[in-house]
N, C-alpha and C. Protein backbone atom coordinates (compact mmCIF):
# COMPACT_ATOMS: atom_id res chain seq x y z
N MET A 1 -25.38 56.46 -77.37
CA MET A 1 -24.02 55.85 -76.53
C MET A 1 -23.30 54.93 -77.23
N LEU A 2 -24.15 54.19 -77.65
CA LEU A 2 -22.80 52.49 -78.23
C LEU A 2 -22.28 53.61 -79.32
N HIS A 3 -22.47 54.73 -80.09
CA HIS A 3 -21.76 54.91 -80.98
C HIS A 3 -20.59 55.48 -80.42
N TYR A 4 -20.76 56.20 -79.63
CA TYR A 4 -19.58 56.96 -78.59
C TYR A 4 -18.66 56.23 -77.80
N ALA A 5 -18.93 54.57 -78.04
CA ALA A 5 -17.99 54.04 -77.09
C ALA A 5 -17.19 53.82 -78.00
N VAL A 6 -18.38 52.91 -79.31
CA VAL A 6 -17.17 52.33 -79.99
C VAL A 6 -16.17 53.88 -80.97
N VAL A 7 -16.63 55.06 -81.02
CA VAL A 7 -15.77 55.90 -81.40
C VAL A 7 -14.21 55.83 -80.34
N PHE A 8 -14.38 55.95 -79.63
CA PHE A 8 -13.76 56.41 -78.76
C PHE A 8 -12.81 54.57 -78.74
N PHE A 9 -13.82 53.33 -79.02
CA PHE A 9 -12.54 52.02 -79.26
C PHE A 9 -11.76 52.60 -80.38
N VAL A 10 -12.16 53.21 -81.48
CA VAL A 10 -10.98 53.27 -82.39
C VAL A 10 -10.29 54.47 -82.78
N ILE A 11 -10.17 55.40 -81.30
CA ILE A 11 -9.41 56.07 -80.71
C ILE A 11 -8.43 55.68 -80.48
N ALA A 12 -9.09 55.04 -79.55
CA ALA A 12 -7.77 54.36 -79.21
C ALA A 12 -6.43 53.57 -79.71
N LEU A 13 -7.73 53.07 -80.61
CA LEU A 13 -6.93 51.83 -81.78
C LEU A 13 -6.22 52.24 -82.84
N ILE A 14 -6.38 54.39 -83.18
CA ILE A 14 -5.58 54.94 -83.69
C ILE A 14 -4.61 54.93 -82.55
N ALA A 15 -4.72 55.50 -81.28
CA ALA A 15 -3.02 56.02 -81.14
C ALA A 15 -2.34 55.16 -80.14
N ALA A 16 -2.33 53.37 -80.11
CA ALA A 16 -2.05 52.72 -79.89
C ALA A 16 -1.02 51.94 -80.99
N LEU A 17 -1.83 52.52 -82.33
CA LEU A 17 -0.63 52.43 -83.84
C LEU A 17 0.44 53.12 -83.62
N PHE A 18 -0.19 53.83 -83.34
CA PHE A 18 0.74 55.65 -83.24
C PHE A 18 1.24 55.30 -81.59
N GLY A 19 1.11 54.75 -80.84
CA GLY A 19 2.49 55.20 -79.28
C GLY A 19 2.01 55.16 -78.28
N PHE A 20 0.57 56.43 -78.42
CA PHE A 20 0.43 56.64 -77.12
C PHE A 20 -0.52 56.03 -76.79
N GLY A 21 0.30 55.23 -75.46
CA GLY A 21 -0.33 54.45 -75.02
C GLY A 21 -1.16 54.64 -74.32
N GLY A 22 -0.53 56.34 -73.34
CA GLY A 22 -1.30 57.02 -71.56
C GLY A 22 -2.56 57.22 -72.68
N ILE A 23 -2.73 57.71 -73.61
CA ILE A 23 -4.65 58.32 -74.36
C ILE A 23 -4.93 56.44 -75.19
N ALA A 24 -4.14 55.67 -75.25
CA ALA A 24 -5.10 54.61 -76.06
C ALA A 24 -6.13 54.27 -74.49
N ALA A 25 -5.04 54.13 -73.12
CA ALA A 25 -5.66 53.13 -72.42
C ALA A 25 -6.27 54.24 -71.53
N GLY A 26 -6.25 55.95 -72.27
CA GLY A 26 -8.11 56.15 -71.00
C GLY A 26 -8.62 56.39 -72.41
N ALA A 27 -8.19 56.14 -73.62
CA ALA A 27 -9.43 55.94 -74.66
C ALA A 27 -10.36 55.27 -74.41
N ALA A 28 -9.65 53.84 -74.24
CA ALA A 28 -10.27 52.50 -73.33
C ALA A 28 -10.99 52.50 -72.74
N SER A 29 -10.42 53.33 -71.66
CA SER A 29 -10.94 52.81 -70.76
C SER A 29 -12.34 53.76 -70.58
N ILE A 30 -12.50 54.94 -71.15
CA ILE A 30 -14.27 55.53 -71.43
C ILE A 30 -14.67 54.80 -72.21
N ALA A 31 -14.81 54.18 -73.86
CA ALA A 31 -14.58 52.84 -74.63
C ALA A 31 -15.16 51.96 -73.54
N GLN A 32 -15.00 51.68 -72.64
CA GLN A 32 -15.86 50.03 -71.90
C GLN A 32 -16.53 50.67 -70.79
N VAL A 33 -16.36 51.49 -70.09
CA VAL A 33 -17.61 52.30 -69.19
C VAL A 33 -18.95 52.42 -70.38
N LEU A 34 -18.40 53.38 -71.73
CA LEU A 34 -19.53 52.93 -72.27
C LEU A 34 -20.36 52.39 -72.84
N PHE A 35 -18.89 51.80 -73.15
CA PHE A 35 -19.88 49.63 -72.76
C PHE A 35 -20.88 49.94 -72.47
N PHE A 36 -21.26 49.41 -71.10
CA PHE A 36 -21.45 48.75 -70.32
C PHE A 36 -22.45 50.21 -70.17
N VAL A 37 -22.41 51.26 -69.22
CA VAL A 37 -24.05 51.90 -69.58
C VAL A 37 -24.53 51.57 -70.63
N PHE A 38 -24.37 51.60 -71.54
CA PHE A 38 -25.38 51.21 -73.28
C PHE A 38 -26.20 49.58 -72.37
N ILE A 39 -25.10 48.66 -71.78
CA ILE A 39 -26.08 47.33 -71.58
C ILE A 39 -27.12 47.22 -70.91
N VAL A 40 -26.55 48.40 -69.90
CA VAL A 40 -27.24 48.40 -68.49
C VAL A 40 -28.50 48.62 -69.10
N LEU A 41 -28.42 50.39 -69.48
CA LEU A 41 -29.45 51.04 -70.02
C LEU A 41 -30.53 50.02 -70.76
N ALA A 42 -29.79 49.43 -71.70
CA ALA A 42 -30.23 48.60 -72.78
C ALA A 42 -31.76 47.23 -72.10
N ILE A 43 -30.76 46.56 -70.88
CA ILE A 43 -31.03 45.99 -70.13
C ILE A 43 -32.40 46.53 -69.68
N ALA A 44 -32.19 47.39 -68.67
CA ALA A 44 -33.67 47.86 -68.22
C ALA A 44 -34.37 48.82 -69.13
N SER A 45 -34.71 49.29 -70.15
CA SER A 45 -35.14 50.03 -70.84
C SER A 45 -36.47 47.87 -71.89
N PHE A 46 -35.44 47.36 -71.85
CA PHE A 46 -36.32 46.23 -72.01
C PHE A 46 -36.80 45.88 -71.14
N LEU A 47 -36.29 45.72 -69.49
CA LEU A 47 -37.52 45.26 -68.45
C LEU A 47 -38.37 45.89 -68.47
N PHE A 48 -38.40 47.27 -68.63
CA PHE A 48 -39.51 48.11 -68.46
C PHE A 48 -40.37 47.93 -68.89
N GLY A 49 -39.77 47.93 -70.75
CA GLY A 49 -41.00 47.52 -71.28
C GLY A 49 -41.93 45.70 -71.35
N LEU A 50 -41.29 45.33 -70.61
CA LEU A 50 -41.78 44.02 -70.78
C LEU A 50 -42.83 43.67 -69.46
N VAL A 51 -42.65 44.61 -68.13
CA VAL A 51 -43.84 45.62 -67.36
C VAL A 51 -44.73 46.12 -68.25
N ARG A 52 -43.87 47.00 -68.92
CA ARG A 52 -45.30 47.58 -68.85
C ARG A 52 -46.19 47.30 -69.66
N ARG A 53 -46.21 46.15 -70.17
CA ARG A 53 -46.87 45.49 -71.20
C ARG A 53 -47.59 44.87 -70.20
N GLY A 54 -47.45 43.73 -69.24
CA GLY A 54 -48.26 43.37 -68.98
C GLY A 54 -48.94 43.47 -67.71
């Protein structure tokens, strides 16, 4: 999932470079959502791992 966030971020940078503002904003927002979902899942996985060991 982090990989997809990075891919959409790169797409946003390339689109912004060529002047496609709407596409860049859309790709950046998708990258931001995927990154936050990744963070939430990573924290949940870490916490469930601690609970399972304890």
